[in-house]
């Protein structure tokens, strides 16, 4: 029986990581999986989504830091 951690591990060489933004590559369909389960074969679109996720995450973290300082 496979370890659950192994089953849920995503580490394909085509996964896209930009800062905290991550888009997972699904080799059996040859697609990247975008938020909402949308699949794309367009690498540029997947990279743009990873960049957008990173920017949103950084803004949220900065907003939280500002709220804690008040």
Protein backbone atom coordinates (compact mmCIF):
# COMPACT_ATOMS: atom_id res chain seq x y z
CA UNK A 1 0.00 0.00 0.00
CA UNK A 2 1.34 3.43 -0.92
CA UNK A 3 1.96 6.05 1.70
CA UNK A 4 -0.72 8.80 1.61
CA UNK A 5 1.99 11.47 1.47
CA UNK A 6 3.34 9.87 -1.69
CA UNK A 7 -0.12 9.73 -3.26
CA UNK A 8 -0.75 13.46 -2.76
CA UNK A 9 2.73 14.59 -3.80
CA UNK A 10 2.99 16.77 -6.86
CA UNK A 11 6.49 17.30 -8.17
CA UNK A 12 6.56 16.99 -11.93
CA UNK A 13 9.46 18.79 -13.66
CA UNK A 14 6.92 20.84 -15.66
CA UNK A 15 5.19 22.18 -12.52
CA UNK A 16 5.39 25.96 -12.53
CA UNK A 17 6.54 27.81 -9.39
CA UNK A 18 6.71 31.59 -9.31
CA UNK A 19 7.23 32.79 -5.76
CA UNK A 20 4.30 31.35 -3.87
CA UNK A 21 2.27 30.70 -7.02
CA UNK A 22 2.22 27.11 -8.14
CA UNK A 23 0.56 25.46 -11.12
CA UNK A 24 0.70 21.67 -11.25
CA UNK A 25 1.35 19.76 -14.48
CA UNK A 26 -0.74 16.65 -15.14
CA UNK A 27 1.33 14.36 -17.38
CA UNK A 28 -1.45 11.91 -18.21
CA UNK A 29 -3.42 14.71 -19.92
CA UNK A 30 -0.37 16.82 -20.84
CA UNK A 31 -1.97 19.87 -19.25
CA UNK A 32 -1.42 22.31 -16.40
CA UNK A 33 -4.24 22.52 -13.87
CA UNK A 34 -5.34 26.07 -13.14
CA UNK A 35 -7.46 27.20 -10.18
CA UNK A 36 -10.98 25.85 -10.38
CA UNK A 37 -9.76 22.69 -12.10
CA UNK A 38 -9.46 24.36 -15.50
CA UNK A 39 -6.88 22.61 -17.69
CA UNK A 40 -4.65 24.29 -20.24
CA UNK A 41 -1.95 23.21 -22.64
CA UNK A 42 -0.76 26.82 -22.94
CA UNK A 43 2.39 27.17 -20.84
CA UNK A 44 2.33 30.98 -21.03
CA UNK A 45 -1.19 31.00 -19.59
CA UNK A 46 -0.12 28.67 -16.77
CA UNK A 47 2.91 30.89 -16.01
CA UNK A 48 0.72 34.00 -15.96
CA UNK A 49 -1.65 32.31 -13.50
CA UNK A 50 1.27 31.32 -11.22
CA UNK A 51 2.50 34.93 -11.32
CA UNK A 52 -0.99 36.22 -10.53
CA UNK A 53 -1.36 33.81 -7.60
CA UNK A 54 2.00 34.96 -6.25
CA UNK A 55 1.02 38.65 -6.50
CA UNK A 56 -2.33 38.08 -4.79
CA UNK A 57 -0.68 36.08 -2.01
CA UNK A 58 1.96 38.74 -1.41
CA UNK A 59 -0.71 41.47 -1.24
CA UNK A 60 -2.74 39.44 1.26
CA UNK A 61 0.32 38.83 3.42
CA UNK A 62 1.21 42.53 3.37
CA UNK A 63 -2.38 43.43 4.26
CA UNK A 64 -2.26 41.04 7.23
CA UNK A 65 1.05 42.52 8.41
CA UNK A 66 -0.41 46.02 8.27
CA UNK A 67 -3.48 44.92 10.23
CA UNK A 68 -1.30 43.39 12.97
CA UNK A 69 0.75 46.61 13.29
CA UNK A 70 -2.34 48.75 13.97
